[in-house]
All heavy atoms as atom14 arrays in JSON, in Angstrom:
{
  "sequence": "YVQAGGECESPSPRGESAVAEEAADCEDGALLTTYKS",
  "atom14_mask": [
    [1, 1, 1, 1, 1, 1, 1, 1, 1, 1, 1, 1, 0, 0],
    [1, 1, 1, 1, 1, 1, 1, 0, 0, 0, 0, 0, 0, 0],
    [1, 1, 1, 1, 1, 1, 1, 1, 1, 0, 0, 0, 0, 0],
    [1, 1, 1, 1, 1, 0, 0, 0, 0, 0, 0, 0, 0, 0],
    [1, 1, 1, 1, 0, 0, 0, 0, 0, 0, 0, 0, 0, 0],
    [1, 1, 1, 1, 0, 0, 0, 0, 0, 0, 0, 0, 0, 0],
    [1, 1, 1, 1, 1, 1, 1, 1, 1, 0, 0, 0, 0, 0],
    [1, 1, 1, 1, 1, 1, 0, 0, 0, 0, 0, 0, 0, 0],
    [1, 1, 1, 1, 1, 1, 1, 1, 1, 0, 0, 0, 0, 0],
    [1, 1, 1, 1, 1, 1, 0, 0, 0, 0, 0, 0, 0, 0],
    [1, 1, 1, 1, 1, 1, 1, 0, 0, 0, 0, 0, 0, 0],
    [1, 1, 1, 1, 1, 1, 0, 0, 0, 0, 0, 0, 0, 0],
    [1, 1, 1, 1, 1, 1, 1, 0, 0, 0, 0, 0, 0, 0],
    [1, 1, 1, 1, 1, 1, 1, 1, 1, 1, 1, 0, 0, 0],
    [1, 1, 1, 1, 0, 0, 0, 0, 0, 0, 0, 0, 0, 0],
    [1, 1, 1, 1, 1, 1, 1, 1, 1, 0, 0, 0, 0, 0],
    [1, 1, 1, 1, 1, 1, 0, 0, 0, 0, 0, 0, 0, 0],
    [1, 1, 1, 1, 1, 0, 0, 0, 0, 0, 0, 0, 0, 0],
    [1, 1, 1, 1, 1, 1, 1, 0, 0, 0, 0, 0, 0, 0],
    [1, 1, 1, 1, 1, 0, 0, 0, 0, 0, 0, 0, 0, 0],
    [1, 1, 1, 1, 1, 1, 1, 1, 1, 0, 0, 0, 0, 0],
    [1, 1, 1, 1, 1, 1, 1, 1, 1, 0, 0, 0, 0, 0],
    [1, 1, 1, 1, 1, 0, 0, 0, 0, 0, 0, 0, 0, 0],
    [1, 1, 1, 1, 1, 0, 0, 0, 0, 0, 0, 0, 0, 0],
    [1, 1, 1, 1, 1, 1, 1, 1, 0, 0, 0, 0, 0, 0],
    [1, 1, 1, 1, 1, 1, 0, 0, 0, 0, 0, 0, 0, 0],
    [1, 1, 1, 1, 1, 1, 1, 1, 1, 0, 0, 0, 0, 0],
    [1, 1, 1, 1, 1, 1, 1, 1, 0, 0, 0, 0, 0, 0],
    [1, 1, 1, 1, 0, 0, 0, 0, 0, 0, 0, 0, 0, 0],
    [1, 1, 1, 1, 1, 0, 0, 0, 0, 0, 0, 0, 0, 0],
    [1, 1, 1, 1, 1, 1, 1, 1, 0, 0, 0, 0, 0, 0],
    [1, 1, 1, 1, 1, 1, 1, 1, 0, 0, 0, 0, 0, 0],
    [1, 1, 1, 1, 1, 1, 1, 0, 0, 0, 0, 0, 0, 0],
    [1, 1, 1, 1, 1, 1, 1, 0, 0, 0, 0, 0, 0, 0],
    [1, 1, 1, 1, 1, 1, 1, 1, 1, 1, 1, 1, 0, 0],
    [1, 1, 1, 1, 1, 1, 1, 1, 1, 0, 0, 0, 0, 0],
    [1, 1, 1, 1, 1, 1, 0, 0, 0, 0, 0, 0, 0, 0]
  ],
  "atom14_positions": [
    [[-32.0, 77.97, 94.28], [-30.96, 77.84, 93.26], [-30.49, 76.39, 93.16], [-30.35, 75.86, 92.05], [-29.8, 78.79, 93.59], [-28.66, 78.74, 92.6], [-28.83, 79.19, 91.3], [-27.42, 78.25, 92.97], [-27.79, 79.15, 90.39], [-26.37, 78.21, 92.07], [-26.56, 78.66, 90.78], [-25.53, 78.62, 89.88], [0.0, 0.0, 0.0], [0.0, 0.0, 0.0]],
    [[-30.27, 75.75, 94.26], [-29.82, 74.36, 94.26], [-30.91, 73.47, 93.68], [-30.64, 72.59, 92.86], [-29.41, 73.91, 95.68], [-29.15, 72.41, 95.73], [-28.17, 74.67, 96.15], [0.0, 0.0, 0.0], [0.0, 0.0, 0.0], [0.0, 0.0, 0.0], [0.0, 0.0, 0.0], [0.0, 0.0, 0.0], [0.0, 0.0, 0.0], [0.0, 0.0, 0.0]],
    [[-32.15, 73.68, 94.07], [-33.26, 72.88, 93.55], [-33.42, 73.06, 92.05], [-33.9, 72.17, 91.36], [-34.56, 73.23, 94.27], [-34.58, 72.76, 95.7], [-35.81, 73.24, 96.44], [-36.53, 74.13, 96.0], [-36.06, 72.62, 97.58], [0.0, 0.0, 0.0], [0.0, 0.0, 0.0], [0.0, 0.0, 0.0], [0.0, 0.0, 0.0], [0.0, 0.0, 0.0]],
    [[-33.0, 74.22, 91.52], [-33.09, 74.49, 90.09], [-31.89, 73.95, 89.32], [-31.83, 74.08, 88.11], [-33.22, 76.0, 89.86], [0.0, 0.0, 0.0], [0.0, 0.0, 0.0], [0.0, 0.0, 0.0], [0.0, 0.0, 0.0], [0.0, 0.0, 0.0], [0.0, 0.0, 0.0], [0.0, 0.0, 0.0], [0.0, 0.0, 0.0], [0.0, 0.0, 0.0]],
    [[-30.92, 73.35, 90.03], [-29.78, 72.74, 89.35], [-28.45, 73.41, 89.62], [-27.42, 72.96, 89.12], [0.0, 0.0, 0.0], [0.0, 0.0, 0.0], [0.0, 0.0, 0.0], [0.0, 0.0, 0.0], [0.0, 0.0, 0.0], [0.0, 0.0, 0.0], [0.0, 0.0, 0.0], [0.0, 0.0, 0.0], [0.0, 0.0, 0.0], [0.0, 0.0, 0.0]],
    [[-28.44, 74.49, 90.37], [-27.18, 75.18, 90.7], [-26.42, 74.44, 91.78], [-26.99, 73.66, 92.54], [0.0, 0.0, 0.0], [0.0, 0.0, 0.0], [0.0, 0.0, 0.0], [0.0, 0.0, 0.0], [0.0, 0.0, 0.0], [0.0, 0.0, 0.0], [0.0, 0.0, 0.0], [0.0, 0.0, 0.0], [0.0, 0.0, 0.0], [0.0, 0.0, 0.0]],
    [[-25.13, 74.7, 91.85], [-24.29, 74.08, 92.88], [-23.96, 75.13, 93.92], [-23.2, 76.06, 93.66], [-23.01, 73.53, 92.26], [-23.26, 72.37, 91.31], [-21.98, 71.84, 90.72], [-20.94, 71.86, 91.41], [-22.02, 71.42, 89.56], [0.0, 0.0, 0.0], [0.0, 0.0, 0.0], [0.0, 0.0, 0.0], [0.0, 0.0, 0.0], [0.0, 0.0, 0.0]],
    [[-24.53, 74.96, 95.12], [-24.31, 75.94, 96.17], [-24.57, 75.3, 97.52], [-25.4, 75.74, 98.29], [-25.19, 77.17, 95.97], [-24.62, 78.59, 96.9], [0.0, 0.0, 0.0], [0.0, 0.0, 0.0], [0.0, 0.0, 0.0], [0.0, 0.0, 0.0], [0.0, 0.0, 0.0], [0.0, 0.0, 0.0], [0.0, 0.0, 0.0], [0.0, 0.0, 0.0]],
    [[-23.83, 74.24, 97.8], [-24.0, 73.53, 99.07], [-23.41, 74.3, 100.23], [-23.88, 74.21, 101.35], [-23.36, 72.14, 98.97], [-23.98, 71.25, 97.9], [-25.48, 71.04, 98.07], [-25.96, 70.91, 99.21], [-26.17, 71.03, 97.03], [0.0, 0.0, 0.0], [0.0, 0.0, 0.0], [0.0, 0.0, 0.0], [0.0, 0.0, 0.0], [0.0, 0.0, 0.0]],
    [[-22.36, 75.09, 99.96], [-21.69, 75.85, 101.03], [-21.51, 77.3, 100.58], [-20.4, 77.73, 100.24], [-20.32, 75.24, 101.33], [-20.44, 73.9, 101.73], [0.0, 0.0, 0.0], [0.0, 0.0, 0.0], [0.0, 0.0, 0.0], [0.0, 0.0, 0.0], [0.0, 0.0, 0.0], [0.0, 0.0, 0.0], [0.0, 0.0, 0.0], [0.0, 0.0, 0.0]],
    [[-22.59, 78.09, 100.58], [-22.46, 79.48, 100.14], [-21.52, 80.27, 101.05], [-21.51, 80.08, 102.26], [-23.88, 80.03, 100.2], [-24.66, 79.06, 101.02], [-23.93, 77.76, 101.0], [0.0, 0.0, 0.0], [0.0, 0.0, 0.0], [0.0, 0.0, 0.0], [0.0, 0.0, 0.0], [0.0, 0.0, 0.0], [0.0, 0.0, 0.0], [0.0, 0.0, 0.0]],
    [[-20.71, 81.13, 100.44], [-19.78, 81.99, 101.18], [-20.38, 83.39, 101.24], [-20.4, 84.11, 100.24], [-18.43, 82.06, 100.48], [-17.87, 80.78, 100.39], [0.0, 0.0, 0.0], [0.0, 0.0, 0.0], [0.0, 0.0, 0.0], [0.0, 0.0, 0.0], [0.0, 0.0, 0.0], [0.0, 0.0, 0.0], [0.0, 0.0, 0.0], [0.0, 0.0, 0.0]],
    [[-20.9, 83.79, 102.41], [-21.52, 85.12, 102.52], [-20.52, 86.23, 102.2], [-19.34, 86.14, 102.53], [-21.95, 85.2, 103.98], [-22.0, 83.79, 104.46], [-20.96, 83.05, 103.66], [0.0, 0.0, 0.0], [0.0, 0.0, 0.0], [0.0, 0.0, 0.0], [0.0, 0.0, 0.0], [0.0, 0.0, 0.0], [0.0, 0.0, 0.0], [0.0, 0.0, 0.0]],
    [[-21.02, 87.25, 101.52], [-20.21, 88.43, 101.25], [-20.45, 89.43, 102.37], [-21.43, 89.34, 103.1], [-20.62, 89.07, 99.92], [-20.14, 88.28, 98.73], [-20.23, 89.12, 97.48], [-19.64, 88.41, 96.36], [-19.42, 88.98, 95.19], [-19.75, 90.23, 94.99], [-18.88, 88.29, 94.21], [0.0, 0.0, 0.0], [0.0, 0.0, 0.0], [0.0, 0.0, 0.0]],
    [[-19.6, 90.41, 102.46], [-19.75, 91.47, 103.46], [-20.97, 92.32, 103.18], [-21.76, 92.05, 102.28], [0.0, 0.0, 0.0], [0.0, 0.0, 0.0], [0.0, 0.0, 0.0], [0.0, 0.0, 0.0], [0.0, 0.0, 0.0], [0.0, 0.0, 0.0], [0.0, 0.0, 0.0], [0.0, 0.0, 0.0], [0.0, 0.0, 0.0], [0.0, 0.0, 0.0]],
    [[-21.11, 93.39, 103.94], [-22.26, 94.27, 103.79], [-22.33, 94.86, 102.39], [-21.32, 95.11, 101.76], [-22.16, 95.41, 104.81], [-22.45, 94.96, 106.22], [-22.55, 96.13, 107.16], [-23.05, 97.2, 106.76], [-22.11, 95.97, 108.31], [0.0, 0.0, 0.0], [0.0, 0.0, 0.0], [0.0, 0.0, 0.0], [0.0, 0.0, 0.0], [0.0, 0.0, 0.0]],
    [[-23.56, 95.06, 101.95], [-23.82, 95.64, 100.64], [-24.74, 96.83, 100.8], [-25.64, 96.82, 101.63], [-24.5, 94.58, 99.74], [-25.01, 95.18, 98.58], [0.0, 0.0, 0.0], [0.0, 0.0, 0.0], [0.0, 0.0, 0.0], [0.0, 0.0, 0.0], [0.0, 0.0, 0.0], [0.0, 0.0, 0.0], [0.0, 0.0, 0.0], [0.0, 0.0, 0.0]],
    [[-24.51, 97.86, 100.01], [-25.35, 99.04, 100.06], [-26.74, 98.77, 99.48], [-27.68, 99.48, 99.8], [-24.69, 100.19, 99.3], [0.0, 0.0, 0.0], [0.0, 0.0, 0.0], [0.0, 0.0, 0.0], [0.0, 0.0, 0.0], [0.0, 0.0, 0.0], [0.0, 0.0, 0.0], [0.0, 0.0, 0.0], [0.0, 0.0, 0.0], [0.0, 0.0, 0.0]],
    [[-26.87, 97.74, 98.67], [-28.13, 97.48, 97.99], [-28.75, 96.15, 98.42], [-29.92, 96.09, 98.76], [-27.94, 97.5, 96.45], [-29.24, 97.24, 95.73], [-27.35, 98.82, 96.01], [0.0, 0.0, 0.0], [0.0, 0.0, 0.0], [0.0, 0.0, 0.0], [0.0, 0.0, 0.0], [0.0, 0.0, 0.0], [0.0, 0.0, 0.0], [0.0, 0.0, 0.0]],
    [[-27.98, 95.08, 98.41], [-28.51, 93.74, 98.69], [-28.73, 93.53, 100.18], [-27.96, 94.0, 101.01], [-27.56, 92.68, 98.15], [0.0, 0.0, 0.0], [0.0, 0.0, 0.0], [0.0, 0.0, 0.0], [0.0, 0.0, 0.0], [0.0, 0.0, 0.0], [0.0, 0.0, 0.0], [0.0, 0.0, 0.0], [0.0, 0.0, 0.0], [0.0, 0.0, 0.0]],
    [[-29.78, 92.79, 100.49], [-30.04, 92.38, 101.87], [-29.02, 91.31, 102.27], [-28.44, 91.37, 103.34], [-31.47, 91.83, 101.96], [-31.85, 91.29, 103.31], [-32.07, 92.38, 104.35], [-32.12, 93.57, 104.0], [-32.16, 92.02, 105.53], [0.0, 0.0, 0.0], [0.0, 0.0, 0.0], [0.0, 0.0, 0.0], [0.0, 0.0, 0.0], [0.0, 0.0, 0.0]],
    [[-28.85, 90.32, 101.38], [-27.87, 89.26, 101.58], [-27.19, 88.98, 100.25], [-27.8, 89.12, 99.2], [-28.55, 87.97, 102.06], [-29.2, 88.07, 103.42], [-29.87, 86.77, 103.8], [-30.82, 86.36, 103.1], [-29.43, 86.16, 104.79], [0.0, 0.0, 0.0], [0.0, 0.0, 0.0], [0.0, 0.0, 0.0], [0.0, 0.0, 0.0], [0.0, 0.0, 0.0]],
    [[-25.94, 88.55, 100.32], [-25.19, 88.19, 99.12], [-24.24, 87.05, 99.48], [-23.64, 87.06, 100.55], [-24.41, 89.38, 98.59], [0.0, 0.0, 0.0], [0.0, 0.0, 0.0], [0.0, 0.0, 0.0], [0.0, 0.0, 0.0], [0.0, 0.0, 0.0], [0.0, 0.0, 0.0], [0.0, 0.0, 0.0], [0.0, 0.0, 0.0], [0.0, 0.0, 0.0]],
    [[-24.16, 86.06, 98.58], [-23.27, 84.93, 98.83], [-22.75, 84.39, 97.5], [-23.44, 84.42, 96.49], [-24.0, 83.83, 99.59], [0.0, 0.0, 0.0], [0.0, 0.0, 0.0], [0.0, 0.0, 0.0], [0.0, 0.0, 0.0], [0.0, 0.0, 0.0], [0.0, 0.0, 0.0], [0.0, 0.0, 0.0], [0.0, 0.0, 0.0], [0.0, 0.0, 0.0]],
    [[-21.51, 83.89, 97.55], [-20.9, 83.24, 96.39], [-21.05, 81.73, 96.54], [-20.92, 81.2, 97.65], [-19.41, 83.59, 96.32], [-19.19, 85.06, 96.02], [-19.56, 85.47, 94.91], [-18.67, 85.78, 96.89], [0.0, 0.0, 0.0], [0.0, 0.0, 0.0], [0.0, 0.0, 0.0], [0.0, 0.0, 0.0], [0.0, 0.0, 0.0], [0.0, 0.0, 0.0]],
    [[-21.31, 81.07, 95.43], [-21.44, 79.61, 95.42], [-20.2, 78.98, 94.8], [-19.46, 79.64, 94.06], [-22.66, 79.2, 94.6], [-24.21, 79.79, 95.3], [0.0, 0.0, 0.0], [0.0, 0.0, 0.0], [0.0, 0.0, 0.0], [0.0, 0.0, 0.0], [0.0, 0.0, 0.0], [0.0, 0.0, 0.0], [0.0, 0.0, 0.0], [0.0, 0.0, 0.0]],
    [[-20.01, 77.7, 95.09], [-18.84, 77.02, 94.56], [-18.85, 76.9, 93.04], [-17.8, 76.72, 92.43], [-18.63, 75.64, 95.22], [-19.82, 74.75, 95.27], [-20.67, 74.91, 96.54], [-20.54, 75.88, 97.27], [-21.48, 74.03, 96.79], [0.0, 0.0, 0.0], [0.0, 0.0, 0.0], [0.0, 0.0, 0.0], [0.0, 0.0, 0.0], [0.0, 0.0, 0.0]],
    [[-20.01, 77.05, 92.4], [-20.05, 77.0, 90.94], [-19.82, 78.38, 90.31], [-19.94, 78.55, 89.11], [-21.35, 76.38, 90.44], [-22.59, 77.22, 90.71], [-22.48, 78.29, 91.34], [-23.69, 76.79, 90.28], [0.0, 0.0, 0.0], [0.0, 0.0, 0.0], [0.0, 0.0, 0.0], [0.0, 0.0, 0.0], [0.0, 0.0, 0.0], [0.0, 0.0, 0.0]],
    [[-19.49, 79.39, 91.14], [-19.19, 80.72, 90.65], [-20.37, 81.68, 90.65], [-20.22, 82.85, 90.33], [0.0, 0.0, 0.0], [0.0, 0.0, 0.0], [0.0, 0.0, 0.0], [0.0, 0.0, 0.0], [0.0, 0.0, 0.0], [0.0, 0.0, 0.0], [0.0, 0.0, 0.0], [0.0, 0.0, 0.0], [0.0, 0.0, 0.0], [0.0, 0.0, 0.0]],
    [[-21.55, 81.21, 91.04], [-22.74, 82.06, 91.06], [-22.67, 83.05, 92.22], [-22.17, 82.72, 93.3], [-24.0, 81.22, 91.18], [0.0, 0.0, 0.0], [0.0, 0.0, 0.0], [0.0, 0.0, 0.0], [0.0, 0.0, 0.0], [0.0, 0.0, 0.0], [0.0, 0.0, 0.0], [0.0, 0.0, 0.0], [0.0, 0.0, 0.0], [0.0, 0.0, 0.0]],
    [[-23.21, 84.23, 91.98], [-23.42, 85.21, 93.04], [-24.93, 85.28, 93.24], [-25.68, 85.6, 92.31], [-22.87, 86.58, 92.65], [-23.26, 87.74, 93.58], [-22.77, 87.5, 95.02], [-22.72, 89.06, 93.04], [0.0, 0.0, 0.0], [0.0, 0.0, 0.0], [0.0, 0.0, 0.0], [0.0, 0.0, 0.0], [0.0, 0.0, 0.0], [0.0, 0.0, 0.0]],
    [[-25.38, 84.96, 94.44], [-26.8, 85.0, 94.78], [-27.04, 86.21, 95.68], [-26.31, 86.41, 96.65], [-27.22, 83.74, 95.53], [-26.82, 82.4, 94.9], [-27.29, 81.25, 95.78], [-27.39, 82.27, 93.51], [0.0, 0.0, 0.0], [0.0, 0.0, 0.0], [0.0, 0.0, 0.0], [0.0, 0.0, 0.0], [0.0, 0.0, 0.0], [0.0, 0.0, 0.0]],
    [[-28.04, 87.02, 95.34], [-28.35, 88.18, 96.16], [-29.86, 88.26, 96.39], [-30.65, 87.87, 95.53], [-27.87, 89.49, 95.49], [-28.35, 89.54, 94.14], [-26.36, 89.58, 95.47], [0.0, 0.0, 0.0], [0.0, 0.0, 0.0], [0.0, 0.0, 0.0], [0.0, 0.0, 0.0], [0.0, 0.0, 0.0], [0.0, 0.0, 0.0], [0.0, 0.0, 0.0]],
    [[-30.23, 88.76, 97.57], [-31.64, 89.0, 97.89], [-31.8, 90.46, 98.26], [-30.84, 91.13, 98.68], [-32.14, 88.11, 99.05], [-31.37, 88.4, 100.22], [-32.03, 86.63, 98.69], [0.0, 0.0, 0.0], [0.0, 0.0, 0.0], [0.0, 0.0, 0.0], [0.0, 0.0, 0.0], [0.0, 0.0, 0.0], [0.0, 0.0, 0.0], [0.0, 0.0, 0.0]],
    [[-33.04, 90.96, 98.12], [-33.33, 92.38, 98.31], [-34.59, 92.58, 99.12], [-35.5, 91.73, 99.08], [-33.47, 93.08, 96.93], [-32.23, 92.87, 96.11], [-32.09, 91.76, 95.29], [-31.17, 93.75, 96.2], [-30.93, 91.52, 94.58], [-30.0, 93.53, 95.5], [-29.89, 92.42, 94.69], [-28.74, 92.2, 94.0], [0.0, 0.0, 0.0], [0.0, 0.0, 0.0]],
    [[-34.66, 93.69, 99.85], [-35.84, 94.01, 100.66], [-37.02, 94.4, 99.8], [-38.16, 94.3, 100.23], [-35.53, 95.15, 101.63], [-34.69, 94.73, 102.8], [-34.56, 95.88, 103.78], [-33.77, 95.44, 105.0], [-33.65, 96.49, 105.99], [0.0, 0.0, 0.0], [0.0, 0.0, 0.0], [0.0, 0.0, 0.0], [0.0, 0.0, 0.0], [0.0, 0.0, 0.0]],
    [[-36.77, 94.86, 98.58], [-37.86, 95.33, 97.71], [-37.46, 95.19, 96.25], [-36.28, 95.05, 95.91], [-38.17, 96.8, 98.01], [-37.08, 97.62, 97.62], [0.0, 0.0, 0.0], [0.0, 0.0, 0.0], [0.0, 0.0, 0.0], [0.0, 0.0, 0.0], [0.0, 0.0, 0.0], [0.0, 0.0, 0.0], [0.0, 0.0, 0.0], [0.0, 0.0, 0.0]]
  ]
}
């Protein structure tokens, strides 16, 4: 995301998610999520 131009130098991890493997908020307001499948 950062390499593509987003601002996320210090992502703030979110708590557990029923769906996402990982989730974090970026300082530019983006929510980034990853999934097992």
